[in-house]
Amino acid sequence: MSVMHTTVPVTTPALEVVKRKWSGPIGSYPHSGVYERPNWRFVDLISPRDLLTEARNWTEMGVQVIGTCCSLGPEYIRLLKEGLPSHVGKTALD
């Protein structure tokens, strides 16, 4: 079960709900930006370092796969790869 396509501030509470209801593997794929018709407006609302801090908290919650979605690109994945434990899978969706 993954919490996907959510802003980082919403991700942690969503993961807490998943943990209460799901005993299988858990993943997290946050995004940054807002949808303003007719398009997405990508705004980096979180720095790569701040995302790493949040991701470390998620691993402590038991999250096993952490990645990024919309607007959180290679620099975020690179820092996650370098800063998270090796047993945590890191990937990007776009």
Protein backbone atom coordinates (compact mmCIF):
# COMPACT_ATOMS: atom_id res chain seq x y z
CA MET A 1 0.00 0.00 0.00
CA SER A 2 1.44 3.38 -0.93
CA VAL A 3 0.53 6.92 -0.07
CA MET A 4 0.99 8.61 -3.41
CA HIS A 5 0.58 11.95 -5.10
CA THR A 6 0.18 13.85 -1.82
CA THR A 7 2.00 16.83 -0.41
CA VAL A 8 4.58 16.09 2.26
CA PRO A 9 2.53 17.63 5.13
CA VAL A 10 -0.36 15.27 4.29
CA THR A 11 1.84 12.20 3.82
CA THR A 12 2.74 11.53 7.47
CA PRO A 13 -0.87 11.56 8.76
CA ALA A 14 -1.91 9.39 5.80
CA LEU A 15 0.87 6.89 6.57
CA GLU A 16 -0.34 6.75 10.18
CA VAL A 17 -3.82 5.74 8.95
CA VAL A 18 -2.36 3.14 6.60
CA LYS A 19 -0.27 1.66 9.45
CA ARG A 20 -3.43 1.22 11.54
CA LYS A 21 -5.34 -0.52 8.74
CA TRP A 22 -2.67 -2.40 6.73
CA SER A 23 -0.07 -4.92 7.87
CA GLY A 24 1.72 -5.35 4.53
CA PRO A 25 4.50 -3.35 2.88
CA ILE A 26 4.10 0.43 2.80
CA GLY A 27 5.43 3.03 0.39
CA SER A 28 5.39 6.80 0.09
CA TYR A 29 5.53 8.94 -3.08
CA PRO A 30 4.92 12.61 -2.22
CA HIS A 31 4.69 15.45 -4.72
CA SER A 32 5.10 19.21 -4.69
CA GLY A 33 2.86 21.66 -6.49
CA VAL A 34 -0.75 22.60 -6.95
CA TYR A 35 -3.28 22.08 -9.69
CA GLU A 36 -4.53 25.38 -11.06
CA ARG A 37 -6.77 24.90 -14.06
CA PRO A 38 -5.84 24.03 -16.67
CA ASN A 39 -2.36 22.87 -15.54
CA TRP A 40 -0.20 21.87 -12.64
CA ARG A 41 1.95 24.62 -11.17
CA PHE A 42 5.01 23.00 -9.67
CA VAL A 43 6.46 24.81 -6.73
CA ASP A 44 9.17 23.19 -4.66
CA LEU A 45 7.50 23.53 -1.32
CA ILE A 46 10.06 21.35 0.37
CA SER A 47 13.82 21.23 -0.05
CA PRO A 48 15.61 17.96 -0.80
CA ARG A 49 17.15 18.01 2.72
CA ASP A 50 13.77 18.57 4.37
CA LEU A 51 12.29 15.70 2.35
CA LEU A 52 15.13 13.48 3.55
CA THR A 53 14.32 14.41 7.15
CA GLU A 54 10.67 13.48 6.60
CA ALA A 55 11.66 10.28 4.81
CA ARG A 56 13.83 9.23 7.74
CA ASN A 57 10.80 9.64 9.98
CA TRP A 58 8.76 7.50 7.58
CA THR A 59 11.34 4.71 7.70
CA GLU A 60 11.06 4.77 11.49
CA MET A 61 7.31 4.24 10.96
CA GLY A 62 8.12 1.15 8.90
CA VAL A 63 7.84 2.56 5.37
CA GLN A 64 9.88 0.36 3.04
CA VAL A 65 9.69 2.13 -0.33
CA ILE A 66 10.13 5.88 -0.65
CA GLY A 67 10.09 7.83 -3.85
CA THR A 68 8.95 11.04 -5.41
CA CYS A 69 6.24 12.16 -7.76
CA CYS A 70 5.44 15.36 -9.66
CA SER A 71 8.12 18.05 -9.33
CA LEU A 72 10.42 16.22 -6.92
CA GLY A 73 13.14 15.17 -9.33
CA PRO A 74 16.58 13.57 -9.47
CA GLU A 75 18.21 15.75 -6.80
CA TYR A 76 15.61 14.51 -4.31
CA ILE A 77 16.11 10.85 -5.24
CA ARG A 78 19.89 11.23 -5.06
CA LEU A 79 19.71 12.59 -1.52
CA LEU A 80 17.22 9.89 -0.48
CA LYS A 81 19.53 7.22 -1.90
CA GLU A 82 22.50 8.63 -0.02
CA GLY A 83 20.68 9.35 3.24
CA LEU A 84 18.28 6.46 3.81
CA PRO A 85 19.12 2.95 5.00
CA SER A 86 20.04 0.52 2.23
CA HIS A 87 17.03 -1.73 2.94
CA VAL A 88 14.64 1.06 1.89
CA GLY A 89 13.77 1.11 -1.80
CA LYS A 90 14.10 4.53 -3.51
CA THR A 91 12.47 5.44 -6.82
CA ALA A 92 10.77 8.21 -8.79
CA LEU A 93 7.45 8.35 -10.58
CA ASP A 94 6.93 10.79 -13.43
